[in-house]
N, C-alpha and C. Protein backbone atom coordinates (compact mmCIF):
# COMPACT_ATOMS: atom_id res chain seq x y z
N MET A 1 -48.18 5.03 0.66
CA MET A 1 -48.10 6.43 0.28
C MET A 1 -46.70 7.00 0.51
N SER A 2 -46.12 6.66 1.69
CA SER A 2 -44.79 7.17 2.01
C SER A 2 -43.76 6.65 1.01
N ARG A 3 -43.97 5.40 0.55
CA ARG A 3 -43.03 4.83 -0.41
C ARG A 3 -43.10 5.58 -1.73
N ILE A 4 -44.33 5.97 -2.16
CA ILE A 4 -44.51 6.71 -3.40
C ILE A 4 -43.83 8.07 -3.30
N LEU A 5 -44.00 8.72 -2.12
CA LEU A 5 -43.37 10.02 -1.91
C LEU A 5 -41.85 9.90 -1.96
N ALA A 6 -41.37 8.82 -1.37
CA ALA A 6 -39.92 8.60 -1.38
C ALA A 6 -39.41 8.43 -2.79
N MET A 7 -40.16 7.69 -3.61
CA MET A 7 -39.77 7.49 -4.99
C MET A 7 -39.79 8.80 -5.75
N LYS A 8 -40.83 9.63 -5.47
CA LYS A 8 -40.90 10.93 -6.15
C LYS A 8 -39.73 11.81 -5.73
N SER A 9 -39.41 11.75 -4.42
CA SER A 9 -38.30 12.55 -3.93
C SER A 9 -37.00 12.13 -4.59
N LYS A 10 -36.81 10.80 -4.73
CA LYS A 10 -35.61 10.31 -5.39
C LYS A 10 -35.58 10.73 -6.84
N GLY A 11 -36.76 10.70 -7.49
CA GLY A 11 -36.83 11.13 -8.86
C GLY A 11 -36.48 12.60 -9.00
N HIS A 12 -36.96 13.41 -8.04
CA HIS A 12 -36.64 14.83 -8.04
C HIS A 12 -35.14 15.05 -7.90
N ALA A 13 -34.53 14.26 -7.00
CA ALA A 13 -33.08 14.38 -6.79
C ALA A 13 -32.32 14.03 -8.06
N TRP A 14 -32.78 12.98 -8.74
CA TRP A 14 -32.11 12.60 -9.98
C TRP A 14 -32.28 13.67 -11.05
N THR A 15 -33.46 14.34 -11.05
CA THR A 15 -33.67 15.42 -12.01
C THR A 15 -32.67 16.55 -11.78
N TRP A 16 -32.51 16.89 -10.50
CA TRP A 16 -31.54 17.93 -10.15
C TRP A 16 -30.12 17.48 -10.50
N ALA A 17 -29.83 16.23 -10.24
CA ALA A 17 -28.49 15.72 -10.54
C ALA A 17 -28.21 15.80 -12.03
N LEU A 18 -29.24 15.48 -12.83
CA LEU A 18 -29.08 15.55 -14.28
C LEU A 18 -28.86 16.99 -14.73
N ALA A 19 -29.64 17.90 -14.12
CA ALA A 19 -29.49 19.31 -14.47
C ALA A 19 -28.10 19.80 -14.10
N LEU A 20 -27.63 19.36 -12.94
CA LEU A 20 -26.30 19.76 -12.49
C LEU A 20 -25.23 19.24 -13.45
N ALA A 21 -25.41 18.00 -13.88
CA ALA A 21 -24.44 17.41 -14.81
C ALA A 21 -24.44 18.16 -16.14
N VAL A 22 -25.64 18.54 -16.60
CA VAL A 22 -25.73 19.29 -17.85
C VAL A 22 -25.03 20.64 -17.70
N ALA A 23 -25.26 21.27 -16.55
CA ALA A 23 -24.61 22.56 -16.30
C ALA A 23 -23.10 22.42 -16.30
N ALA A 24 -22.63 21.35 -15.69
CA ALA A 24 -21.18 21.13 -15.64
C ALA A 24 -20.62 20.93 -17.04
N VAL A 25 -21.35 20.19 -17.87
CA VAL A 25 -20.90 19.95 -19.24
C VAL A 25 -20.86 21.25 -20.02
N LEU A 26 -21.85 22.10 -19.78
CA LEU A 26 -21.91 23.37 -20.51
C LEU A 26 -20.72 24.27 -20.20
N VAL A 27 -20.34 24.30 -18.92
CA VAL A 27 -19.27 25.23 -18.53
C VAL A 27 -17.89 24.59 -18.66
N MET A 28 -17.83 23.32 -18.89
CA MET A 28 -16.53 22.64 -18.99
C MET A 28 -15.86 22.94 -20.33
N PRO A 29 -14.57 23.23 -20.31
CA PRO A 29 -13.86 23.45 -21.58
C PRO A 29 -13.94 22.22 -22.47
N ARG A 30 -14.17 22.44 -23.77
CA ARG A 30 -14.31 21.33 -24.71
C ARG A 30 -12.94 20.93 -25.27
N PRO A 31 -12.58 19.64 -25.15
CA PRO A 31 -11.29 19.19 -25.72
C PRO A 31 -11.25 19.43 -27.22
N GLY A 32 -10.10 19.85 -27.71
CA GLY A 32 -9.93 20.04 -29.14
C GLY A 32 -10.32 21.40 -29.66
N LEU A 33 -10.98 22.22 -28.82
CA LEU A 33 -11.39 23.54 -29.25
C LEU A 33 -10.41 24.58 -28.74
N THR A 34 -10.17 25.59 -29.53
CA THR A 34 -9.31 26.67 -29.08
C THR A 34 -10.06 27.52 -28.08
N GLN A 35 -9.31 28.41 -27.43
CA GLN A 35 -9.93 29.26 -26.42
C GLN A 35 -11.06 30.10 -27.02
N SER A 36 -10.84 30.56 -28.24
CA SER A 36 -11.85 31.41 -28.89
C SER A 36 -13.09 30.62 -29.29
N ASP A 37 -12.92 29.28 -29.49
CA ASP A 37 -14.06 28.45 -29.90
C ASP A 37 -14.86 27.92 -28.72
N GLN A 38 -14.36 28.09 -27.50
CA GLN A 38 -15.06 27.59 -26.33
C GLN A 38 -16.38 28.34 -26.17
N PRO A 39 -17.42 27.65 -25.64
CA PRO A 39 -18.70 28.34 -25.42
C PRO A 39 -18.53 29.49 -24.45
N VAL A 40 -19.18 30.61 -24.77
CA VAL A 40 -19.09 31.79 -23.93
C VAL A 40 -20.48 32.12 -23.41
N PHE A 41 -20.59 32.38 -22.10
CA PHE A 41 -21.87 32.72 -21.50
C PHE A 41 -21.82 34.16 -21.03
N ASP A 42 -22.94 34.84 -21.20
CA ASP A 42 -22.98 36.20 -20.69
C ASP A 42 -23.17 36.17 -19.19
N ALA A 43 -23.15 37.31 -18.55
CA ALA A 43 -23.22 37.38 -17.09
C ALA A 43 -24.50 36.75 -16.55
N ARG A 44 -25.61 36.97 -17.24
CA ARG A 44 -26.88 36.42 -16.77
C ARG A 44 -26.88 34.90 -16.83
N GLN A 45 -26.36 34.32 -17.93
CA GLN A 45 -26.30 32.86 -18.05
C GLN A 45 -25.36 32.25 -17.02
N SER A 46 -24.21 32.87 -16.85
CA SER A 46 -23.26 32.35 -15.85
C SER A 46 -23.87 32.38 -14.46
N GLU A 47 -24.55 33.45 -14.16
CA GLU A 47 -25.20 33.58 -12.84
C GLU A 47 -26.27 32.51 -12.64
N ALA A 48 -27.01 32.22 -13.71
CA ALA A 48 -28.06 31.22 -13.62
C ALA A 48 -27.47 29.82 -13.38
N ILE A 49 -26.37 29.54 -14.07
CA ILE A 49 -25.71 28.23 -13.89
C ILE A 49 -25.16 28.11 -12.48
N GLU A 50 -24.50 29.16 -12.01
CA GLU A 50 -23.96 29.13 -10.65
C GLU A 50 -25.06 28.95 -9.61
N LYS A 51 -26.19 29.63 -9.84
CA LYS A 51 -27.32 29.50 -8.91
C LYS A 51 -27.89 28.09 -8.93
N LEU A 52 -27.95 27.50 -10.13
CA LEU A 52 -28.44 26.11 -10.25
C LEU A 52 -27.58 25.16 -9.43
N VAL A 53 -26.26 25.29 -9.58
CA VAL A 53 -25.35 24.43 -8.83
C VAL A 53 -25.47 24.69 -7.33
N ARG A 54 -25.47 25.96 -6.95
CA ARG A 54 -25.54 26.31 -5.53
C ARG A 54 -26.83 25.81 -4.89
N ASP A 55 -27.96 26.03 -5.58
CA ASP A 55 -29.25 25.60 -5.02
C ASP A 55 -29.31 24.09 -4.86
N TYR A 56 -28.75 23.39 -5.84
CA TYR A 56 -28.75 21.93 -5.74
C TYR A 56 -27.94 21.45 -4.54
N LEU A 57 -26.76 22.03 -4.38
CA LEU A 57 -25.89 21.60 -3.28
C LEU A 57 -26.49 21.97 -1.93
N LEU A 58 -27.18 23.12 -1.85
CA LEU A 58 -27.84 23.49 -0.60
C LEU A 58 -29.00 22.55 -0.29
N GLU A 59 -29.70 22.13 -1.33
CA GLU A 59 -30.85 21.23 -1.12
C GLU A 59 -30.39 19.79 -0.88
N HIS A 60 -29.22 19.44 -1.44
CA HIS A 60 -28.72 18.06 -1.31
C HIS A 60 -27.26 18.09 -0.86
N PRO A 61 -26.97 18.54 0.36
CA PRO A 61 -25.57 18.59 0.83
C PRO A 61 -24.93 17.22 0.94
N GLU A 62 -25.78 16.18 0.99
CA GLU A 62 -25.22 14.83 1.09
C GLU A 62 -24.39 14.47 -0.15
N VAL A 63 -24.64 15.18 -1.25
CA VAL A 63 -23.86 14.93 -2.46
C VAL A 63 -22.39 15.23 -2.23
N LEU A 64 -22.12 16.30 -1.50
CA LEU A 64 -20.74 16.66 -1.18
C LEU A 64 -20.08 15.57 -0.34
N ILE A 65 -20.85 15.07 0.64
CA ILE A 65 -20.32 14.01 1.50
C ILE A 65 -20.04 12.76 0.69
N GLU A 66 -20.98 12.41 -0.20
CA GLU A 66 -20.79 11.23 -1.04
C GLU A 66 -19.58 11.40 -1.95
N ALA A 67 -19.41 12.60 -2.48
CA ALA A 67 -18.28 12.86 -3.36
C ALA A 67 -16.96 12.72 -2.60
N LEU A 68 -16.92 13.28 -1.38
CA LEU A 68 -15.72 13.17 -0.57
C LEU A 68 -15.42 11.73 -0.20
N GLN A 69 -16.47 10.98 0.13
CA GLN A 69 -16.29 9.57 0.48
C GLN A 69 -15.77 8.78 -0.72
N ALA A 70 -16.34 9.07 -1.89
CA ALA A 70 -15.88 8.37 -3.10
C ALA A 70 -14.42 8.71 -3.39
N TYR A 71 -14.05 9.98 -3.21
CA TYR A 71 -12.67 10.40 -3.42
C TYR A 71 -11.74 9.69 -2.44
N GLU A 72 -12.15 9.64 -1.17
CA GLU A 72 -11.33 8.99 -0.15
C GLU A 72 -11.14 7.51 -0.47
N GLN A 73 -12.21 6.85 -0.93
CA GLN A 73 -12.12 5.43 -1.29
C GLN A 73 -11.15 5.22 -2.45
N ARG A 74 -11.20 6.11 -3.43
CA ARG A 74 -10.26 6.00 -4.57
C ARG A 74 -8.83 6.21 -4.09
N GLN A 75 -8.64 7.18 -3.18
CA GLN A 75 -7.30 7.42 -2.66
C GLN A 75 -6.78 6.22 -1.89
N GLN A 76 -7.64 5.61 -1.08
CA GLN A 76 -7.25 4.43 -0.31
C GLN A 76 -6.92 3.26 -1.23
N ALA A 77 -7.72 3.10 -2.28
CA ALA A 77 -7.45 2.01 -3.22
C ALA A 77 -6.13 2.24 -3.95
N ALA A 78 -5.85 3.50 -4.30
CA ALA A 78 -4.60 3.81 -4.98
C ALA A 78 -3.41 3.57 -4.05
N GLU A 79 -3.56 3.92 -2.78
CA GLU A 79 -2.48 3.71 -1.82
C GLU A 79 -2.25 2.22 -1.58
N ALA A 80 -3.33 1.45 -1.49
CA ALA A 80 -3.20 0.00 -1.30
C ALA A 80 -2.48 -0.63 -2.49
N GLU A 81 -2.80 -0.16 -3.69
CA GLU A 81 -2.14 -0.69 -4.89
C GLU A 81 -0.67 -0.29 -4.91
N ARG A 82 -0.37 0.95 -4.47
CA ARG A 82 1.02 1.39 -4.41
C ARG A 82 1.82 0.52 -3.46
N ARG A 83 1.23 0.22 -2.29
CA ARG A 83 1.91 -0.62 -1.32
C ARG A 83 2.11 -2.03 -1.86
N ARG A 84 1.08 -2.54 -2.52
CA ARG A 84 1.17 -3.89 -3.10
C ARG A 84 2.30 -3.94 -4.13
N ALA A 85 2.38 -2.92 -4.97
CA ALA A 85 3.43 -2.89 -5.99
C ALA A 85 4.81 -2.81 -5.34
N ALA A 86 4.91 -2.02 -4.26
CA ALA A 86 6.20 -1.89 -3.57
C ALA A 86 6.63 -3.22 -2.96
N ILE A 87 5.67 -3.94 -2.38
CA ILE A 87 5.97 -5.24 -1.78
C ILE A 87 6.40 -6.24 -2.85
N LEU A 88 5.69 -6.24 -3.98
CA LEU A 88 6.06 -7.15 -5.06
C LEU A 88 7.45 -6.83 -5.60
N ALA A 89 7.77 -5.54 -5.68
CA ALA A 89 9.08 -5.14 -6.20
C ALA A 89 10.20 -5.60 -5.28
N GLU A 90 9.92 -5.71 -3.98
CA GLU A 90 10.93 -6.12 -3.00
C GLU A 90 10.72 -7.55 -2.50
N ALA A 91 9.94 -8.33 -3.23
CA ALA A 91 9.57 -9.67 -2.76
C ALA A 91 10.77 -10.55 -2.44
N GLU A 92 11.77 -10.51 -3.30
CA GLU A 92 12.94 -11.37 -3.08
C GLU A 92 13.69 -10.95 -1.82
N ALA A 93 13.88 -9.64 -1.66
CA ALA A 93 14.59 -9.14 -0.47
C ALA A 93 13.79 -9.37 0.80
N LEU A 94 12.48 -9.31 0.70
CA LEU A 94 11.63 -9.53 1.87
C LEU A 94 11.62 -11.00 2.29
N ASN A 95 11.49 -11.87 1.33
CA ASN A 95 11.26 -13.29 1.63
C ASN A 95 12.51 -14.14 1.69
N HIS A 96 13.57 -13.73 0.97
CA HIS A 96 14.72 -14.63 0.83
C HIS A 96 16.07 -13.95 1.05
N ASP A 97 16.10 -12.99 1.94
CA ASP A 97 17.38 -12.37 2.31
C ASP A 97 18.20 -13.41 3.09
N PRO A 98 19.36 -13.81 2.59
CA PRO A 98 20.14 -14.85 3.25
C PRO A 98 20.62 -14.47 4.65
N ASP A 99 20.66 -13.16 4.95
CA ASP A 99 21.12 -12.72 6.27
C ASP A 99 19.99 -12.52 7.27
N ALA A 100 18.75 -12.69 6.84
CA ALA A 100 17.61 -12.53 7.74
C ALA A 100 17.28 -13.87 8.39
N PRO A 101 17.34 -13.97 9.71
CA PRO A 101 17.00 -15.23 10.39
C PRO A 101 15.56 -15.65 10.08
N VAL A 102 15.35 -16.93 10.02
CA VAL A 102 14.01 -17.48 9.75
C VAL A 102 13.59 -18.34 10.93
N LEU A 103 12.41 -18.05 11.47
CA LEU A 103 11.85 -18.84 12.56
C LEU A 103 10.68 -19.68 12.02
N GLY A 104 10.16 -20.53 12.85
CA GLY A 104 9.06 -21.39 12.42
C GLY A 104 9.57 -22.46 11.48
N ASN A 105 8.81 -22.73 10.44
CA ASN A 105 9.15 -23.76 9.46
C ASN A 105 9.84 -23.13 8.25
N PRO A 106 11.15 -23.37 8.07
CA PRO A 106 11.85 -22.77 6.92
C PRO A 106 11.25 -23.15 5.58
N GLU A 107 10.53 -24.28 5.53
CA GLU A 107 9.90 -24.74 4.29
C GLU A 107 8.40 -24.48 4.31
N GLY A 108 7.94 -23.60 5.18
CA GLY A 108 6.51 -23.33 5.31
C GLY A 108 5.87 -22.80 4.05
N ASP A 109 4.55 -22.93 3.99
CA ASP A 109 3.82 -22.48 2.79
C ASP A 109 3.25 -21.07 2.94
N VAL A 110 3.40 -20.49 4.11
CA VAL A 110 3.00 -19.09 4.34
C VAL A 110 4.16 -18.37 5.00
N THR A 111 4.51 -17.20 4.46
CA THR A 111 5.63 -16.43 5.01
C THR A 111 5.14 -15.15 5.66
N LEU A 112 5.56 -14.95 6.89
CA LEU A 112 5.29 -13.71 7.62
C LEU A 112 6.61 -12.98 7.76
N VAL A 113 6.66 -11.71 7.34
CA VAL A 113 7.88 -10.90 7.44
C VAL A 113 7.65 -9.84 8.51
N GLU A 114 8.54 -9.81 9.51
CA GLU A 114 8.39 -8.84 10.60
C GLU A 114 9.61 -7.93 10.69
N PHE A 115 9.36 -6.61 10.60
CA PHE A 115 10.39 -5.62 10.87
C PHE A 115 10.20 -5.17 12.32
N PHE A 116 11.27 -5.11 13.10
CA PHE A 116 11.10 -4.82 14.52
C PHE A 116 12.34 -4.17 15.11
N ASP A 117 12.14 -3.54 16.25
CA ASP A 117 13.21 -2.94 17.03
C ASP A 117 13.04 -3.47 18.45
N TYR A 118 14.13 -3.88 19.07
CA TYR A 118 14.03 -4.49 20.40
C TYR A 118 13.57 -3.52 21.48
N ARG A 119 13.61 -2.24 21.19
CA ARG A 119 13.14 -1.26 22.17
C ARG A 119 11.72 -0.79 21.88
N CYS A 120 11.12 -1.28 20.82
CA CYS A 120 9.77 -0.87 20.42
C CYS A 120 8.71 -1.58 21.27
N PRO A 121 7.90 -0.84 22.04
CA PRO A 121 6.89 -1.49 22.88
C PRO A 121 5.84 -2.26 22.08
N TYR A 122 5.51 -1.77 20.89
CA TYR A 122 4.52 -2.46 20.06
C TYR A 122 5.09 -3.78 19.53
N CYS A 123 6.37 -3.76 19.19
CA CYS A 123 7.02 -5.00 18.75
C CYS A 123 6.99 -6.04 19.87
N LYS A 124 7.20 -5.57 21.09
CA LYS A 124 7.17 -6.49 22.24
C LYS A 124 5.78 -7.09 22.42
N GLN A 125 4.76 -6.27 22.21
CA GLN A 125 3.39 -6.77 22.33
C GLN A 125 3.08 -7.82 21.26
N VAL A 126 3.58 -7.59 20.05
CA VAL A 126 3.33 -8.51 18.94
C VAL A 126 4.09 -9.82 19.13
N SER A 127 5.19 -9.78 19.85
CA SER A 127 6.07 -10.94 19.99
C SER A 127 5.32 -12.19 20.45
N GLY A 128 4.48 -12.03 21.45
CA GLY A 128 3.72 -13.18 21.95
C GLY A 128 2.78 -13.75 20.90
N ALA A 129 2.19 -12.86 20.09
CA ALA A 129 1.28 -13.32 19.04
C ALA A 129 2.04 -14.11 17.98
N VAL A 130 3.28 -13.70 17.68
CA VAL A 130 4.09 -14.42 16.70
C VAL A 130 4.39 -15.83 17.20
N VAL A 131 4.72 -15.95 18.48
CA VAL A 131 4.97 -17.27 19.07
C VAL A 131 3.73 -18.13 18.96
N GLN A 132 2.58 -17.54 19.27
CA GLN A 132 1.32 -18.29 19.21
C GLN A 132 1.02 -18.75 17.79
N LEU A 133 1.27 -17.89 16.81
CA LEU A 133 1.03 -18.25 15.41
C LEU A 133 1.91 -19.43 15.00
N MET A 134 3.17 -19.40 15.41
CA MET A 134 4.07 -20.50 15.04
C MET A 134 3.64 -21.80 15.70
N GLU A 135 3.11 -21.72 16.92
CA GLU A 135 2.65 -22.92 17.61
C GLU A 135 1.39 -23.49 16.96
N GLU A 136 0.52 -22.59 16.49
CA GLU A 136 -0.75 -23.02 15.90
C GLU A 136 -0.61 -23.49 14.46
N ASP A 137 0.37 -22.94 13.73
CA ASP A 137 0.53 -23.29 12.32
C ASP A 137 1.94 -23.82 12.07
N PRO A 138 2.08 -25.14 11.97
CA PRO A 138 3.41 -25.72 11.75
C PRO A 138 3.98 -25.42 10.36
N MET A 139 3.17 -24.81 9.49
CA MET A 139 3.64 -24.48 8.15
C MET A 139 3.91 -22.98 8.00
N LEU A 140 4.02 -22.28 9.12
CA LEU A 140 4.30 -20.85 9.08
C LEU A 140 5.81 -20.59 9.07
N ARG A 141 6.24 -19.78 8.15
CA ARG A 141 7.64 -19.38 8.02
C ARG A 141 7.73 -17.90 8.38
N VAL A 142 8.58 -17.55 9.34
CA VAL A 142 8.66 -16.17 9.83
C VAL A 142 10.05 -15.61 9.54
N VAL A 143 10.10 -14.58 8.71
CA VAL A 143 11.37 -13.92 8.37
C VAL A 143 11.54 -12.72 9.29
N MET A 144 12.65 -12.71 10.03
CA MET A 144 12.90 -11.67 11.03
C MET A 144 13.81 -10.59 10.44
N LYS A 145 13.30 -9.38 10.40
CA LYS A 145 14.04 -8.25 9.85
C LYS A 145 14.49 -7.33 10.99
N GLU A 146 15.77 -7.40 11.31
CA GLU A 146 16.33 -6.53 12.35
C GLU A 146 16.33 -5.09 11.83
N PHE A 147 15.52 -4.25 12.47
CA PHE A 147 15.28 -2.89 11.99
C PHE A 147 15.48 -1.89 13.13
N PRO A 148 16.73 -1.73 13.60
CA PRO A 148 17.00 -0.88 14.76
C PRO A 148 16.98 0.61 14.41
N ILE A 149 15.95 1.32 14.85
CA ILE A 149 15.81 2.73 14.48
C ILE A 149 15.60 3.65 15.68
N LEU A 150 15.45 3.08 16.88
CA LEU A 150 15.08 3.91 18.03
C LEU A 150 16.27 4.44 18.82
N SER A 151 17.38 3.74 18.81
CA SER A 151 18.53 4.20 19.59
C SER A 151 19.76 3.37 19.24
N GLN A 152 20.90 3.78 19.78
CA GLN A 152 22.12 3.00 19.60
C GLN A 152 22.01 1.67 20.34
N GLU A 153 21.25 1.65 21.42
CA GLU A 153 21.02 0.38 22.12
C GLU A 153 20.32 -0.60 21.19
N SER A 154 19.37 -0.08 20.39
CA SER A 154 18.68 -0.93 19.42
C SER A 154 19.65 -1.51 18.41
N VAL A 155 20.55 -0.66 17.93
CA VAL A 155 21.55 -1.12 16.96
C VAL A 155 22.43 -2.20 17.56
N ARG A 156 22.88 -1.99 18.79
CA ARG A 156 23.74 -2.96 19.46
C ARG A 156 23.00 -4.28 19.65
N ALA A 157 21.76 -4.21 20.08
CA ALA A 157 20.97 -5.43 20.28
C ALA A 157 20.78 -6.19 18.97
N ALA A 158 20.53 -5.46 17.87
CA ALA A 158 20.34 -6.11 16.57
C ALA A 158 21.62 -6.80 16.12
N ARG A 159 22.75 -6.15 16.31
CA ARG A 159 24.03 -6.74 15.93
C ARG A 159 24.29 -8.03 16.71
N ILE A 160 24.03 -7.98 18.01
CA ILE A 160 24.27 -9.18 18.84
C ILE A 160 23.31 -10.30 18.44
N ALA A 161 22.06 -9.93 18.11
CA ALA A 161 21.08 -10.94 17.71
C ALA A 161 21.53 -11.65 16.44
N LEU A 162 22.01 -10.87 15.46
CA LEU A 162 22.49 -11.49 14.23
C LEU A 162 23.73 -12.34 14.48
N ALA A 163 24.56 -11.90 15.42
CA ALA A 163 25.73 -12.72 15.80
C ALA A 163 25.27 -14.00 16.50
N ALA A 164 24.19 -13.91 17.28
CA ALA A 164 23.67 -15.08 17.98
C ALA A 164 23.19 -16.15 17.00
N ALA A 165 22.74 -15.69 15.82
CA ALA A 165 22.27 -16.64 14.80
C ALA A 165 23.41 -17.55 14.36
N ARG A 166 24.64 -17.06 14.41
CA ARG A 166 25.78 -17.86 14.01
C ARG A 166 26.07 -18.98 15.00
N GLN A 167 25.51 -18.85 16.20
CA GLN A 167 25.66 -19.92 17.21
C GLN A 167 24.39 -20.76 17.31
N GLY A 168 23.44 -20.52 16.40
CA GLY A 168 22.20 -21.29 16.40
C GLY A 168 21.28 -20.96 17.56
N LYS A 169 21.42 -19.74 18.12
CA LYS A 169 20.64 -19.36 19.30
C LYS A 169 19.76 -18.14 19.05
N TYR A 170 19.51 -17.84 17.78
CA TYR A 170 18.75 -16.61 17.49
C TYR A 170 17.37 -16.63 18.14
N HIS A 171 16.64 -17.73 17.96
CA HIS A 171 15.28 -17.85 18.49
C HIS A 171 15.25 -17.54 19.98
N SER A 172 16.09 -18.20 20.73
CA SER A 172 16.09 -18.03 22.19
C SER A 172 16.47 -16.61 22.58
N PHE A 173 17.51 -16.08 21.94
CA PHE A 173 17.98 -14.74 22.29
C PHE A 173 16.95 -13.68 21.91
N HIS A 174 16.35 -13.81 20.73
CA HIS A 174 15.37 -12.85 20.26
C HIS A 174 14.22 -12.71 21.25
N PHE A 175 13.62 -13.82 21.63
CA PHE A 175 12.44 -13.73 22.50
C PHE A 175 12.82 -13.37 23.94
N ALA A 176 14.04 -13.70 24.34
CA ALA A 176 14.51 -13.26 25.65
C ALA A 176 14.66 -11.74 25.68
N LEU A 177 15.17 -11.16 24.59
CA LEU A 177 15.27 -9.71 24.50
C LEU A 177 13.89 -9.06 24.47
N MET A 178 12.96 -9.67 23.76
CA MET A 178 11.61 -9.11 23.67
C MET A 178 10.91 -9.11 25.03
N GLU A 179 11.29 -10.03 25.89
CA GLU A 179 10.68 -10.07 27.22
C GLU A 179 11.34 -9.08 28.17
N ASN A 180 12.45 -8.48 27.73
CA ASN A 180 13.15 -7.50 28.56
C ASN A 180 12.31 -6.22 28.67
N GLY A 181 12.49 -5.48 29.75
CA GLY A 181 11.66 -4.31 30.03
C GLY A 181 11.70 -3.20 29.01
N GLY A 182 12.81 -2.96 28.35
CA GLY A 182 12.86 -1.87 27.40
C GLY A 182 14.28 -1.50 27.06
N SER A 183 14.83 -0.49 27.76
CA SER A 183 16.21 -0.10 27.51
C SER A 183 17.14 -1.10 28.18
N PHE A 184 18.35 -1.25 27.63
CA PHE A 184 19.29 -2.19 28.21
C PHE A 184 20.73 -1.76 27.94
N THR A 185 21.56 -1.98 28.92
CA THR A 185 22.98 -1.69 28.80
C THR A 185 23.69 -2.88 28.16
N ASP A 186 24.95 -2.69 27.83
CA ASP A 186 25.76 -3.80 27.31
C ASP A 186 25.75 -4.97 28.28
N ALA A 187 25.92 -4.64 29.57
CA ALA A 187 25.98 -5.70 30.58
C ALA A 187 24.68 -6.49 30.60
N GLU A 188 23.54 -5.77 30.48
CA GLU A 188 22.24 -6.46 30.50
C GLU A 188 22.06 -7.32 29.26
N ILE A 189 22.46 -6.81 28.11
CA ILE A 189 22.32 -7.59 26.88
C ILE A 189 23.15 -8.86 26.93
N PHE A 190 24.40 -8.73 27.39
CA PHE A 190 25.26 -9.91 27.43
C PHE A 190 24.83 -10.88 28.53
N ALA A 191 24.19 -10.36 29.58
CA ALA A 191 23.65 -11.23 30.61
C ALA A 191 22.50 -12.07 30.04
N ILE A 192 21.67 -11.43 29.21
CA ILE A 192 20.59 -12.16 28.55
C ILE A 192 21.17 -13.20 27.60
N ALA A 193 22.22 -12.81 26.88
CA ALA A 193 22.88 -13.75 25.96
C ALA A 193 23.41 -14.96 26.71
N ALA A 194 24.04 -14.73 27.85
CA ALA A 194 24.57 -15.84 28.64
C ALA A 194 23.46 -16.74 29.15
N SER A 195 22.29 -16.12 29.46
CA SER A 195 21.17 -16.91 30.02
C SER A 195 20.60 -17.90 29.01
N VAL A 196 20.81 -17.65 27.72
CA VAL A 196 20.30 -18.59 26.70
C VAL A 196 21.43 -19.44 26.12
N GLY A 197 22.61 -19.38 26.75
CA GLY A 197 23.70 -20.27 26.35
C GLY A 197 24.62 -19.75 25.28
N LEU A 198 24.64 -18.45 25.04
CA LEU A 198 25.53 -17.88 24.02
C LEU A 198 26.93 -17.68 24.58
N ASP A 199 27.90 -17.84 23.71
CA ASP A 199 29.30 -17.66 24.07
C ASP A 199 29.70 -16.21 23.79
N GLU A 200 29.91 -15.43 24.86
CA GLU A 200 30.22 -14.02 24.70
C GLU A 200 31.52 -13.80 23.95
N ALA A 201 32.47 -14.68 24.14
CA ALA A 201 33.76 -14.54 23.47
C ALA A 201 33.60 -14.62 21.95
N ARG A 202 32.63 -15.37 21.47
CA ARG A 202 32.34 -15.43 20.04
C ARG A 202 31.43 -14.29 19.60
N LEU A 203 30.52 -13.90 20.48
CA LEU A 203 29.57 -12.85 20.12
C LEU A 203 30.26 -11.53 19.80
N ARG A 204 31.20 -11.13 20.64
CA ARG A 204 31.80 -9.80 20.51
C ARG A 204 32.46 -9.58 19.15
N PRO A 205 33.30 -10.49 18.67
CA PRO A 205 33.87 -10.26 17.33
C PRO A 205 32.83 -10.43 16.21
N ASP A 206 31.90 -11.38 16.40
CA ASP A 206 30.89 -11.60 15.36
C ASP A 206 29.99 -10.39 15.17
N MET A 207 29.64 -9.70 16.26
CA MET A 207 28.74 -8.55 16.14
C MET A 207 29.40 -7.38 15.43
N GLN A 208 30.75 -7.39 15.37
CA GLN A 208 31.50 -6.34 14.67
C GLN A 208 31.82 -6.71 13.22
N ASP A 209 31.40 -7.88 12.81
CA ASP A 209 31.67 -8.33 11.45
C ASP A 209 30.99 -7.38 10.46
N PRO A 210 31.69 -6.92 9.43
CA PRO A 210 31.08 -6.02 8.43
C PRO A 210 29.82 -6.60 7.79
N ASP A 211 29.75 -7.93 7.70
CA ASP A 211 28.56 -8.55 7.10
C ASP A 211 27.32 -8.27 7.95
N VAL A 212 27.48 -8.16 9.27
CA VAL A 212 26.36 -7.86 10.15
C VAL A 212 25.87 -6.44 9.89
N GLU A 213 26.79 -5.51 9.76
CA GLU A 213 26.43 -4.12 9.45
C GLU A 213 25.73 -4.04 8.10
N THR A 214 26.23 -4.80 7.13
CA THR A 214 25.62 -4.81 5.80
C THR A 214 24.19 -5.33 5.86
N ALA A 215 23.97 -6.35 6.66
CA ALA A 215 22.61 -6.93 6.79
C ALA A 215 21.65 -5.91 7.37
N VAL A 216 22.09 -5.19 8.40
CA VAL A 216 21.23 -4.17 9.02
C VAL A 216 20.92 -3.05 8.02
N ARG A 217 21.93 -2.60 7.30
CA ARG A 217 21.73 -1.52 6.32
C ARG A 217 20.79 -1.95 5.19
N ARG A 218 20.90 -3.20 4.78
CA ARG A 218 20.05 -3.70 3.71
C ARG A 218 18.59 -3.75 4.16
N THR A 219 18.37 -4.16 5.40
CA THR A 219 17.01 -4.19 5.94
C THR A 219 16.42 -2.79 6.00
N LYS A 220 17.21 -1.82 6.44
CA LYS A 220 16.73 -0.44 6.51
C LYS A 220 16.37 0.07 5.11
N ALA A 221 17.16 -0.29 4.12
CA ALA A 221 16.89 0.16 2.76
C ALA A 221 15.57 -0.43 2.24
N VAL A 222 15.34 -1.70 2.51
CA VAL A 222 14.10 -2.35 2.08
C VAL A 222 12.90 -1.75 2.81
N ALA A 223 13.07 -1.51 4.12
CA ALA A 223 11.98 -0.92 4.90
C ALA A 223 11.61 0.45 4.36
C-alpha cells in the first residue's frame, strides 16, 4: 500500500512539474516574435500563473535544491573543462621546458609536474610523497617548476637550486631545502648547498645568470 501511495505521490509531483513547465512556456518570450506579437496576459491570468509556480515551489522546495545542485554540477564541469583546455594549451611548456629540472626517470611514461616554493609548508609536506612515488614507480618522470612567490628568500632559493642543476646536484639540494624548517638566510642556504657537495664559488655567478631569471619568469607565466 505504501508503495502505491508513493507512486501516486510521484505522479502528483510530475503533474505539478508539467503544469509548471507549461506555465513557464506560456510566460516565456517567443523567439522570432516582435514585442507586440508576444502573448499578453491580463492581471488575473498573470496572478494565477504566479500562484501556480509559488504553490508548486512551496509544496516541493526540493526542486529548488535539485536545480541549484544541477547548476553547481554544470559549473564544476565547465571549470574542469576550462582547466583541461588550459593544461593542453600549455602542454609543451609544462612537460618539456628545457630549463625545468627533471627528477625520476627522464624517459618515464607518466609525467608529474610540480609547481612549488621552498618556503611553502604544503610543498614541504608533499615533498616526501613525491620521493615515495619515484621509489615506487621507476617509470615516473617528475618535472620541477621553481615557482617562488612567497618572499625574496624564495626567489634566492629558486635561483640557487637552478644553479645547482648545472653541477648535477639539483636532486640533493632540492630535498635538502625541503627538509629545512622554513625561512632561511643566505648563510643557511649556502650551508645546505655545501652539505650536498655544491661548489659555492660556481653557484654565486650561476645564480645571477640571466638565463636563470628567464626560467623563473617563464614558470610564473605558465603558472
